[in-house]
Structure formats: C-alpha cells, structure tokens
Amino acid sequence: FDGNGHTISGLIINRPGAAYVGLFGRVGVGGQVRNLGLVGGAVTGNQYVGGLVGYNYEGPVSNCYATGAVSGTGTCVGGLVGRNYYGPVSNCYATGAVTGDDYIGGLVGYNNGPVSNCYATGAVTGDDYIGGLVGYNNGPVSNCYATGAVSGDLYVGGLVGDNSSGTVSNCYATGAVTGNQYVGGLVGYNYSGTVSYSGTVSDCYATGAVTGDDSIGGLVGYNDFGTVSSCYATGAVTGTGDFVGGLVGDNDEGTVSNSYWDMQTSGQSTS
C-alpha cells in the first residue's frame, strides 16, 4: 500500500477483545506499507495492536507516521506497529500516548527487525518490557530517539525496555522513566546471549530523570553480559534499593567503555 504522501484523519478502531488491530491488522511476507500518515483518532485492541499495523511479518514499513493514541488490554502494543517480526521500519514516527500490558513501545511494541531513522514522542505506560520507542528489542535500532515519559514495572527504558541480543546505536532518550526494577534512562535491561548475538549500546545518551527500586541507571538499568560504549547520561537518578548508578545500575560481567555520567545532575557518585 503506497499512500503517496496522503493522510487519513480521525481513524477510530475500538476492538478491545480482538488481536491484530490497526489500519492494517496484519502485513505478511511480500507486503509493504509506505508514504502514509494517520492523523488523530484512536486505536484500541487486545494484543498485536498498532496505530498503523498490528502485526508486521517481514514487510517493510517506511515513511509513515501516526499521531493518535493506541491502547491494548494485552501484549505487543505500539504507536505505529504492535509486533514487528523481522520487517524493516524506517523513516517513521509516532506521537500518540501508548498503553498496554507487556511489550509496549512508543513506536513498536515487540521488535525483531531493523528500526532506523525513527522517533516517538508520546507517553508510554504498561507493566513489563516498556520503552519510549521499543518495548522489547531483538534487532538493530539506529539513528532513533524518544522524548515521552515512560512508566512501568520491570524492564523499563526511555528508548528500549529490554534490549536482548539487539543493537542500539546513535540514539537518545530525554523522557522521564519510572519503574520498579531494571530501569534505565535509555535501556532498562541490556542482555548479550551469545557471541553472535550481543546486546550492544553504542554512541547513545539519555537526559531524563530515572526513578525506581533495584537496578536503576541513568543510561542502562541492568547490563547483563552486554556492551556499552561511547555513551553518556545526565539525568537525575533515584533508587530505593540496591544497584543504583549514574550510568549503569548493575553491570553483571558486561563491558562499559568510553562512557560517562554527570555526577552533579545525576546525584550519583558511582556508575
């Protein structure tokens, strides 16, 4: 579907008990959506809910945007795409508030594909795996940013909630982040599973305030065998439990290099 630069205004979809909800419920192999804007409106579903696409299966989504609110009563909810399964998402943005249960993102709820040159500005709220741009990431995210406030329970990040064996590069987040455990200004949880699939955060920064309990960091909440390089954080960091740091809350056998945090603005003397 090529929108040819046109917009659709005031789209309302109210299907709280349904899965695969969006202007396009599912986009399969060989399908693609490009050059389209959704202005205003609201999309409500259960799981696999997105303003534009509920579930994207390997299809490219490019030069698209959505400004309406998106909500789900279940999992995989995103401002633009609910679940992105190995499809490239590029030159896109979403500005509406996004709410749901688990795997909730300002742009993409659950991502396995490349996301590049994208941004999200809406507030994002949920339980676990909550991110200002992507809730759960297992793909490359590059040249992206998020500015909305993010709140959840576990695995909460200003840009990405859980970066498991994915890569995040040349990105930033500025929104306030609030959660319980594994909470970071940029990434809540950064995990490297194998040598071939490493959780990597590079050339990134975060400036938003971060608040939580355990494993709270200005940039990354919990770095589990992952790699953080050439990054910085300046936001205030507040934690009531263990492992609270200006840059990384808990670094568990991970690698951190060429990175720094602001001791004055963060209120943290240790990383």
C-alpha atoms as a PDB file:
ATOM      1  CA  PHE A   1       0.000   0.000   0.000  1.00  0.00           C
ATOM      2  CA  ASP A   2       1.526   3.299  -1.090  1.00  0.00           C
ATOM      3  CA  GLY A   3      -0.213   6.293   0.463  1.00  0.00           C
ATOM      4  CA  ASN A   4       1.599   8.629  -1.938  1.00  0.00           C
ATOM      5  CA  GLY A   5       2.035  11.157   0.882  1.00  0.00           C
ATOM      6  CA  HIS A   6      -1.655  11.381   1.760  1.00  0.00           C
ATOM      7  CA  THR A   7      -3.149  11.253   5.276  1.00  0.00           C
ATOM      8  CA  ILE A   8      -6.103   9.542   6.929  1.00  0.00           C
ATOM      9  CA  SER A   9      -7.660  11.629   9.697  1.00  0.00           C
ATOM     10  CA  GLY A  10      -9.760  10.632  12.682  1.00  0.00           C
ATOM     11  CA  LEU A  11      -9.478   6.852  12.345  1.00  0.00           C
ATOM     12  CA  ILE A  12     -11.272   5.176  15.264  1.00  0.00           C
ATOM     13  CA  ILE A  13     -10.892   1.428  15.858  1.00  0.00           C
ATOM     14  CA  ASN A  14     -12.435   0.132  19.079  1.00  0.00           C
ATOM     15  CA  ARG A  15     -11.985  -3.646  19.359  1.00  0.00           C
ATOM     16  CA  PRO A  16     -10.739  -4.271  22.915  1.00  0.00           C
ATOM     17  CA  GLY A  17     -11.245  -8.024  22.706  1.00  0.00           C
ATOM     18  CA  ALA A  18      -9.510  -8.549  19.357  1.00  0.00           C
ATOM     19  CA  ALA A  19      -5.956  -9.339  18.244  1.00  0.00           C
ATOM     20  CA  TYR A  20      -4.186  -7.968  15.153  1.00  0.00           C
ATOM     21  CA  VAL A  21      -5.701  -4.491  15.318  1.00  0.00           C
ATOM     22  CA  GLY A  22      -4.670  -1.424  13.307  1.00  0.00           C
ATOM     23  CA  LEU A  23      -5.391   0.191   9.967  1.00  0.00           C
ATOM     24  CA  PHE A  24      -3.722  -2.966   8.696  1.00  0.00           C
ATOM     25  CA  GLY A  25      -4.281  -5.852  11.100  1.00  0.00           C
ATOM     26  CA  ARG A  26      -1.524  -7.944   9.544  1.00  0.00           C
ATOM     27  CA  VAL A  27       1.073  -7.326   6.849  1.00  0.00           C
ATOM     28  CA  GLY A  28       2.586 -10.557   5.564  1.00  0.00           C
ATOM     29  CA  VAL A  29       5.686 -11.587   3.617  1.00  0.00           C
ATOM     30  CA  GLY A  30       5.916  -9.520   0.455  1.00  0.00           C
ATOM     31  CA  GLY A  31       3.567  -6.862   1.772  1.00  0.00           C
ATOM     32  CA  GLN A  32       4.674  -3.314   2.466  1.00  0.00           C
ATOM     33  CA  VAL A  33       3.244  -0.014   3.656  1.00  0.00           C
ATOM     34  CA  ARG A  34       4.804   3.329   2.779  1.00  0.00           C
ATOM     35  CA  ASN A  35       4.223   7.077   2.446  1.00  0.00           C
ATOM     36  CA  LEU A  36       1.157   7.326   4.677  1.00  0.00           C
ATOM     37  CA  GLY A  37       0.150   9.426   7.680  1.00  0.00           C
ATOM     38  CA  LEU A  38      -2.552   8.770  10.270  1.00  0.00           C
ATOM     39  CA  VAL A  39      -3.700  11.989  11.939  1.00  0.00           C
ATOM     40  CA  GLY A  40      -5.579  11.903  15.248  1.00  0.00           C
ATOM     41  CA  GLY A  41      -8.091   9.197  16.053  1.00  0.00           C
ATOM     42  CA  ALA A  42      -7.527   6.292  18.431  1.00  0.00           C
ATOM     43  CA  VAL A  43      -6.901   2.556  18.105  1.00  0.00           C
ATOM     44  CA  THR A  44      -7.911   0.081  20.809  1.00  0.00           C
ATOM     45  CA  GLY A  45      -7.465  -3.694  20.817  1.00  0.00           C
ATOM     46  CA  ASN A  46      -6.210  -6.603  22.882  1.00  0.00           C
ATOM     47  CA  GLN A  47      -2.835  -7.848  21.596  1.00  0.00           C
ATOM     48  CA  TYR A  48      -0.776  -7.077  18.481  1.00  0.00           C
ATOM     49  CA  VAL A  49      -2.148  -3.541  18.332  1.00  0.00           C
ATOM     50  CA  GLY A  50      -0.607  -0.659  16.373  1.00  0.00           C
ATOM     51  CA  GLY A  51      -1.765   2.658  15.035  1.00  0.00           C
ATOM     52  CA  LEU A  52      -0.789   1.609  11.517  1.00  0.00           C
ATOM     53  CA  VAL A  53      -0.029  -2.140  11.654  1.00  0.00           C
ATOM     54  CA  GLY A  54      -0.988  -4.660  14.300  1.00  0.00           C
ATOM     55  CA  TYR A  55       1.452  -7.404  13.230  1.00  0.00           C
ATOM     56  CA  ASN A  56       4.137  -6.868  10.593  1.00  0.00           C
ATOM     57  CA  TYR A  57       5.643 -10.095   9.246  1.00  0.00           C
ATOM     58  CA  GLU A  58       8.858  -9.227   7.382  1.00  0.00           C
ATOM     59  CA  GLY A  59       7.223  -6.433   5.364  1.00  0.00           C
ATOM     60  CA  PRO A  60       8.913  -3.028   5.112  1.00  0.00           C
ATOM     61  CA  VAL A  61       7.152  -0.061   6.697  1.00  0.00           C
ATOM     62  CA  SER A  62       8.637   3.246   5.559  1.00  0.00           C
ATOM     63  CA  ASN A  63       7.895   6.988   5.530  1.00  0.00           C
ATOM     64  CA  CYS A  64       4.806   6.569   7.696  1.00  0.00           C
ATOM     65  CA  TYR A  65       3.510   8.198  10.861  1.00  0.00           C
ATOM     66  CA  ALA A  66       0.660   8.055  13.365  1.00  0.00           C
ATOM     67  CA  THR A  67      -0.408  10.726  15.855  1.00  0.00           C
ATOM     68  CA  GLY A  68      -3.357   9.070  17.600  1.00  0.00           C
ATOM     69  CA  ALA A  69      -3.486   7.252  20.934  1.00  0.00           C
ATOM     70  CA  VAL A  70      -3.054   3.461  20.899  1.00  0.00           C
ATOM     71  CA  SER A  71      -4.130   1.150  23.695  1.00  0.00           C
ATOM     72  CA  GLY A  72      -4.277  -2.583  24.285  1.00  0.00           C
ATOM     73  CA  THR A  73      -5.565  -4.782  27.058  1.00  0.00           C
ATOM     74  CA  GLY A  74      -2.881  -7.387  26.314  1.00  0.00           C
ATOM     75  CA  THR A  75       0.635  -7.595  24.866  1.00  0.00           C
ATOM     76  CA  CYS A  76       2.577  -6.176  21.914  1.00  0.00           C
ATOM     77  CA  VAL A  77       1.187  -2.663  21.559  1.00  0.00           C
ATOM     78  CA  GLY A  78       2.961   0.118  19.650  1.00  0.00           C
ATOM     79  CA  GLY A  79       2.217   3.630  18.496  1.00  0.00           C
ATOM     80  CA  LEU A  80       2.884   2.585  14.891  1.00  0.00           C
ATOM     81  CA  VAL A  81       3.431  -1.205  14.886  1.00  0.00           C
ATOM     82  CA  GLY A  82       2.381  -3.647  17.590  1.00  0.00           C
ATOM     83  CA  ARG A  83       4.655  -6.572  16.663  1.00  0.00           C
ATOM     84  CA  ASN A  84       7.417  -6.207  14.083  1.00  0.00           C
ATOM     85  CA  TYR A  85       8.709  -9.620  13.007  1.00  0.00           C
ATOM     86  CA  TYR A  86      11.949  -9.022  11.075  1.00  0.00           C
ATOM     87  CA  GLY A  87      10.472  -6.290   8.887  1.00  0.00           C
ATOM     88  CA  PRO A  88      12.436  -3.062   8.369  1.00  0.00           C
ATOM     89  CA  VAL A  89      10.812   0.043   9.844  1.00  0.00           C
ATOM     90  CA  SER A  90      12.422   3.234   8.579  1.00  0.00           C
ATOM     91  CA  ASN A  91      11.806   6.980   8.463  1.00  0.00           C
ATOM     92  CA  CYS A  92       8.697   6.686  10.616  1.00  0.00           C
ATOM     93  CA  TYR A  93       7.340   8.325  13.751  1.00  0.00           C
ATOM     94  CA  ALA A  94       4.511   8.171  16.279  1.00  0.00           C
ATOM     95  CA  THR A  95       3.374  10.884  18.682  1.00  0.00           C
ATOM     96  CA  GLY A  96       0.342   9.451  20.488  1.00  0.00           C
ATOM     97  CA  ALA A  97       0.176   8.030  24.003  1.00  0.00           C
ATOM     98  CA  VAL A  98       0.524   4.231  24.147  1.00  0.00           C
ATOM     99  CA  THR A  99      -0.804   1.992  26.916  1.00  0.00           C
ATOM    100  CA  GLY A 100      -0.992  -1.754  27.434  1.00  0.00           C
ATOM    101  CA  ASP A 101       0.229  -4.723  29.463  1.00  0.00           C
ATOM    102  CA  ASP A 102       3.611  -6.178  28.359  1.00  0.00           C
ATOM    103  CA  TYR A 103       5.838  -5.367  25.344  1.00  0.00           C
ATOM    104  CA  ILE A 104       4.663  -1.788  24.913  1.00  0.00           C
ATOM    105  CA  GLY A 105       6.534   0.838  22.859  1.00  0.00           C
ATOM    106  CA  GLY A 106       6.014   4.360  21.627  1.00  0.00           C
ATOM    107  CA  LEU A 107       6.726   3.184  18.073  1.00  0.00           C
ATOM    108  CA  VAL A 108       6.957  -0.642  18.181  1.00  0.00           C
ATOM    109  CA  GLY A 109       5.846  -2.925  20.990  1.00  0.00           C
ATOM    110  CA  TYR A 110       7.926  -6.042  20.200  1.00  0.00           C
ATOM    111  CA  ASN A 111      10.684  -5.799  17.607  1.00  0.00           C
ATOM    112  CA  ASN A 112      12.958  -8.272  15.799  1.00  0.00           C
ATOM    113  CA  GLY A 113      13.716  -6.216  12.694  1.00  0.00           C
ATOM    114  CA  PRO A 114      15.818  -3.171  11.847  1.00  0.00           C
ATOM    115  CA  VAL A 115      14.385   0.147  13.037  1.00  0.00           C
ATOM    116  CA  SER A 116      16.167   3.203  11.663  1.00  0.00           C
ATOM    117  CA  ASN A 117      15.677   6.968  11.441  1.00  0.00           C
ATOM    118  CA  CYS A 118      12.538   6.862  13.568  1.00  0.00           C
ATOM    119  CA  TYR A 119      11.217   8.622  16.653  1.00  0.00           C
ATOM    120  CA  ALA A 120       8.375   8.604  19.169  1.00  0.00           C
ATOM    121  CA  THR A 121       7.195  11.406  21.446  1.00  0.00           C
ATOM    122  CA  GLY A 122       4.128  10.040  23.232  1.00  0.00           C
ATOM    123  CA  ALA A 123       3.921   8.884  26.847  1.00  0.00           C
ATOM    124  CA  VAL A 124       4.177   5.089  27.211  1.00  0.00           C
ATOM    125  CA  THR A 125       2.620   3.158  30.083  1.00  0.00           C
ATOM    126  CA  GLY A 126       2.434  -0.551  30.884  1.00  0.00           C
ATOM    127  CA  ASP A 127       3.725  -3.334  33.122  1.00  0.00           C
ATOM    128  CA  ASP A 128       6.822  -5.164  31.821  1.00  0.00           C
ATOM    129  CA  TYR A 129       9.048  -4.523  28.770  1.00  0.00           C
ATOM    130  CA  ILE A 130       8.116  -0.876  28.312  1.00  0.00           C
ATOM    131  CA  GLY A 131      10.090   1.546  26.114  1.00  0.00           C
ATOM    132  CA  GLY A 132       9.734   5.054  24.796  1.00  0.00           C
ATOM    133  CA  LEU A 133      10.450   3.754  21.282  1.00  0.00           C
ATOM    134  CA  VAL A 134      10.514  -0.070  21.530  1.00  0.00           C
ATOM    135  CA  GLY A 135       9.283  -2.252  24.380  1.00  0.00           C
ATOM    136  CA  TYR A 136      11.317  -5.387  23.597  1.00  0.00           C
ATOM    137  CA  ASN A 137      14.125  -5.318  21.049  1.00  0.00           C
ATOM    138  CA  ASN A 138      16.000  -8.148  19.363  1.00  0.00           C
ATOM    139  CA  GLY A 139      17.083  -6.233  16.258  1.00  0.00           C
ATOM    140  CA  PRO A 140      19.222  -3.264  15.232  1.00  0.00           C
ATOM    141  CA  VAL A 141      17.864   0.139  16.289  1.00  0.00           C
ATOM    142  CA  SER A 142      19.816   3.068  14.866  1.00  0.00           C
ATOM    143  CA  ASN A 143      19.516   6.839  14.483  1.00  0.00           C
ATOM    144  CA  CYS A 144      16.355   6.981  16.593  1.00  0.00           C
ATOM    145  CA  TYR A 145      15.076   8.909  19.591  1.00  0.00           C
ATOM    146  CA  ALA A 146      12.232   9.069  22.082  1.00  0.00           C
ATOM    147  CA  THR A 147      11.098  12.009  24.213  1.00  0.00           C
ATOM    148  CA  GLY A 148       7.971  10.791  26.005  1.00  0.00           C
ATOM    149  CA  ALA A 149       7.657   9.844  29.671  1.00  0.00           C
ATOM    150  CA  VAL A 150       7.823   6.089  30.258  1.00  0.00           C
ATOM    151  CA  SER A 151       6.404   4.185  33.206  1.00  0.00           C
ATOM    152  CA  GLY A 152       6.090   0.507  34.059  1.00  0.00           C
ATOM    153  CA  ASP A 153       7.205  -2.191  36.484  1.00  0.00           C
ATOM    154  CA  LEU A 154      10.073  -4.339  35.105  1.00  0.00           C
ATOM    155  CA  TYR A 155      12.376  -3.746  32.106  1.00  0.00           C
ATOM    156  CA  VAL A 156      11.572  -0.075  31.562  1.00  0.00           C
ATOM    157  CA  GLY A 157      13.666   2.261  29.396  1.00  0.00           C
ATOM    158  CA  GLY A 158      13.459   5.730  27.930  1.00  0.00           C
ATOM    159  CA  LEU A 159      14.151   4.272  24.469  1.00  0.00           C
ATOM    160  CA  VAL A 160      14.084   0.464  24.837  1.00  0.00           C
ATOM    161  CA  GLY A 161      12.701  -1.550  27.722  1.00  0.00           C
ATOM    162  CA  ASP A 162      14.610  -4.791  27.073  1.00  0.00           C
ATOM    163  CA  ASN A 163      17.456  -4.992  24.556  1.00  0.00           C
ATOM    164  CA  SER A 164      18.092  -8.734  24.402  1.00  0.00           C
ATOM    165  CA  SER A 165      20.860  -9.500  21.923  1.00  0.00           C
ATOM    166  CA  GLY A 166      19.924  -6.435  19.897  1.00  0.00           C
ATOM    167  CA  THR A 167      21.953  -3.375  18.986  1.00  0.00           C
ATOM    168  CA  VAL A 168      21.137   0.234  19.832  1.00  0.00           C
ATOM    169  CA  SER A 169      23.346   2.842  18.169  1.00  0.00           C
ATOM    170  CA  ASN A 170      23.314   6.600  17.579  1.00  0.00           C
ATOM    171  CA  CYS A 171      20.162   7.009  19.634  1.00  0.00           C
ATOM    172  CA  TYR A 172      18.950   9.121  22.541  1.00  0.00           C
ATOM    173  CA  ALA A 173      16.095   9.482  25.009  1.00  0.00           C
ATOM    174  CA  THR A 174      15.020  12.530  27.010  1.00  0.00           C
ATOM    175  CA  GLY A 175      11.819  11.481  28.793  1.00  0.00           C
ATOM    176  CA  ALA A 176      11.445  10.730  32.491  1.00  0.00           C
ATOM    177  CA  VAL A 177      11.481   6.998  33.260  1.00  0.00           C
ATOM    178  CA  THR A 178       9.761   5.392  36.221  1.00  0.00           C
ATOM    179  CA  GLY A 179       9.639   1.722  37.193  1.00  0.00           C
ATOM    180  CA  ASN A 180      10.454  -0.845  39.832  1.00  0.00           C
ATOM    181  CA  GLN A 181      13.374  -2.993  38.647  1.00  0.00           C
ATOM    182  CA  TYR A 182      15.701  -2.899  35.601  1.00  0.00           C
ATOM    183  CA  VAL A 183      15.011   0.750  34.802  1.00  0.00           C
ATOM    184  CA  GLY A 184      17.253   2.943  32.629  1.00  0.00           C
ATOM    185  CA  GLY A 185      17.210   6.359  31.032  1.00  0.00           C
ATOM    186  CA  LEU A 186      17.889   4.732  27.649  1.00  0.00           C
ATOM    187  CA  VAL A 187      17.641   0.938  28.124  1.00  0.00           C
ATOM    188  CA  GLY A 188      16.156  -0.909  31.059  1.00  0.00           C
ATOM    189  CA  TYR A 189      17.850  -4.282  30.508  1.00  0.00           C
ATOM    190  CA  ASN A 190      20.750  -4.916  28.107  1.00  0.00           C
ATOM    191  CA  TYR A 191      21.490  -8.606  27.586  1.00  0.00           C
ATOM    192  CA  SER A 192      24.029 -10.470  25.481  1.00  0.00           C
ATOM    193  CA  GLY A 193      23.066 -14.088  24.869  1.00  0.00           C
ATOM    194  CA  THR A 194      25.897 -15.395  22.668  1.00  0.00           C
ATOM    195  CA  VAL A 195      28.953 -14.160  20.824  1.00  0.00           C
ATOM    196  CA  SER A 196      26.923 -13.969  17.604  1.00  0.00           C
ATOM    197  CA  TYR A 197      24.062 -12.097  19.241  1.00  0.00           C
ATOM    198  CA  SER A 198      25.297  -9.441  21.592  1.00  0.00           C
ATOM    199  CA  GLY A 199      23.331  -6.793  23.438  1.00  0.00           C
ATOM    200  CA  THR A 200      25.127  -3.617  22.421  1.00  0.00           C
ATOM    201  CA  VAL A 201      24.522   0.054  23.202  1.00  0.00           C
ATOM    202  CA  SER A 202      26.874   2.493  21.468  1.00  0.00           C
ATOM    203  CA  ASP A 203      27.103   6.217  20.712  1.00  0.00           C
ATOM    204  CA  CYS A 204      23.955   6.967  22.703  1.00  0.00           C
ATOM    205  CA  TYR A 205      22.831   9.263  25.500  1.00  0.00           C
ATOM    206  CA  ALA A 206      19.981   9.843  27.931  1.00  0.00           C
ATOM    207  CA  THR A 207      18.983  13.004  29.784  1.00  0.00           C
ATOM    208  CA  GLY A 208      15.710  12.123  31.514  1.00  0.00           C
ATOM    209  CA  ALA A 209      15.223  11.549  35.239  1.00  0.00           C
ATOM    210  CA  VAL A 210      15.149   7.871  36.247  1.00  0.00           C
ATOM    211  CA  THR A 211      13.304   6.601  39.313  1.00  0.00           C
ATOM    212  CA  GLY A 212      12.847   3.079  40.687  1.00  0.00           C
ATOM    213  CA  ASP A 213      13.946   0.472  43.205  1.00  0.00           C
ATOM    214  CA  ASP A 214      16.667  -2.004  42.168  1.00  0.00           C
ATOM    215  CA  SER A 215      18.986  -1.920  39.125  1.00  0.00           C
ATOM    216  CA  ILE A 216      18.397   1.720  38.252  1.00  0.00           C
ATOM    217  CA  GLY A 217      20.764   3.571  35.895  1.00  0.00           C
ATOM    218  CA  GLY A 218      20.950   6.894  34.136  1.00  0.00           C
ATOM    219  CA  LEU A 219      21.640   5.082  30.852  1.00  0.00           C
ATOM    220  CA  VAL A 220      21.143   1.325  31.475  1.00  0.00           C
ATOM    221  CA  GLY A 221      19.447  -0.273  34.442  1.00  0.00           C
ATOM    222  CA  TYR A 222      20.979  -3.761  34.199  1.00  0.00           C
ATOM    223  CA  ASN A 223      23.830  -4.652  31.836  1.00  0.00           C
ATOM    224  CA  ASP A 224      23.875  -8.445  31.688  1.00  0.00           C
ATOM    225  CA  PHE A 225      26.989  -9.536  29.741  1.00  0.00           C
ATOM    226  CA  GLY A 226      26.224  -6.702  27.325  1.00  0.00           C
ATOM    227  CA  THR A 227      28.411  -3.964  25.876  1.00  0.00           C
ATOM    228  CA  VAL A 228      28.069  -0.223  26.441  1.00  0.00           C
ATOM    229  CA  SER A 229      30.449   2.114  24.619  1.00  0.00           C
ATOM    230  CA  SER A 230      30.809   5.820  23.870  1.00  0.00           C
ATOM    231  CA  CYS A 231      27.675   6.799  25.785  1.00  0.00           C
ATOM    232  CA  TYR A 232      26.672   9.267  28.485  1.00  0.00           C
ATOM    233  CA  ALA A 233      23.839  10.125  30.855  1.00  0.00           C
ATOM    234  CA  THR A 234      22.953  13.366  32.630  1.00  0.00           C
ATOM    235  CA  GLY A 235      19.526  12.768  34.200  1.00  0.00           C
ATOM    236  CA  ALA A 236      18.784  12.614  37.922  1.00  0.00           C
ATOM    237  CA  VAL A 237      18.836   9.010  39.171  1.00  0.00           C
ATOM    238  CA  THR A 238      16.893   7.894  42.237  1.00  0.00           C
ATOM    239  CA  GLY A 239      16.624   4.370  43.613  1.00  0.00           C
ATOM    240  CA  THR A 240      15.347   3.000  46.896  1.00  0.00           C
ATOM    241  CA  GLY A 241      17.039  -0.407  46.707  1.00  0.00           C
ATOM    242  CA  ASP A 242      20.317  -1.918  45.528  1.00  0.00           C
ATOM    243  CA  PHE A 243      22.381  -1.247  42.410  1.00  0.00           C
ATOM    244  CA  VAL A 244      21.710   2.393  41.609  1.00  0.00           C
ATOM    245  CA  GLY A 245      24.194   4.190  39.344  1.00  0.00           C
ATOM    246  CA  GLY A 246      24.652   7.374  37.397  1.00  0.00           C
ATOM    247  CA  LEU A 247      25.423   5.454  34.190  1.00  0.00           C
ATOM    248  CA  VAL A 248      24.660   1.743  34.791  1.00  0.00           C
ATOM    249  CA  GLY A 249      22.740   0.448  37.774  1.00  0.00           C
ATOM    250  CA  ASP A 250      24.043  -3.143  37.810  1.00  0.00           C
ATOM    251  CA  ASN A 251      26.846  -4.265  35.497  1.00  0.00           C
ATOM    252  CA  ASP A 252      26.911  -8.084  35.583  1.00  0.00           C
ATOM    253  CA  GLU A 253      30.043  -9.167  33.682  1.00  0.00           C
ATOM    254  CA  GLY A 254      29.297  -6.627  30.967  1.00  0.00           C
ATOM    255  CA  THR A 255      31.723  -4.245  29.283  1.00  0.00           C
ATOM    256  CA  VAL A 256      31.466  -0.469  29.674  1.00  0.00           C
ATOM    257  CA  SER A 257      33.972   1.749  27.859  1.00  0.00           C
ATOM    258  CA  ASN A 258      34.486   5.391  26.846  1.00  0.00           C
ATOM    259  CA  SER A 259      31.324   6.383  28.674  1.00  0.00           C
ATOM    260  CA  TYR A 260      30.471   8.824  31.442  1.00  0.00           C
ATOM    261  CA  TRP A 261      27.743  10.347  33.571  1.00  0.00           C
ATOM    262  CA  ASP A 262      27.286  13.767  35.184  1.00  0.00           C
ATOM    263  CA  MET A 263      27.832  13.369  38.927  1.00  0.00           C
ATOM    264  CA  GLN A 264      26.128  16.662  39.776  1.00  0.00           C
ATOM    265  CA  THR A 265      22.955  16.379  37.716  1.00  0.00           C
ATOM    266  CA  SER A 266      22.558  12.654  38.361  1.00  0.00           C
ATOM    267  CA  GLY A 267      23.111  12.926  42.086  1.00  0.00           C
ATOM    268  CA  GLN A 268      25.193   9.729  41.875  1.00  0.00           C
ATOM    269  CA  SER A 269      28.882   9.491  42.722  1.00  0.00           C
ATOM    270  CA  THR A 270      29.182   5.925  41.376  1.00  0.00           C
ATOM    271  CA  SER A 271      28.291   4.481  37.988  1.00  0.00           C
END
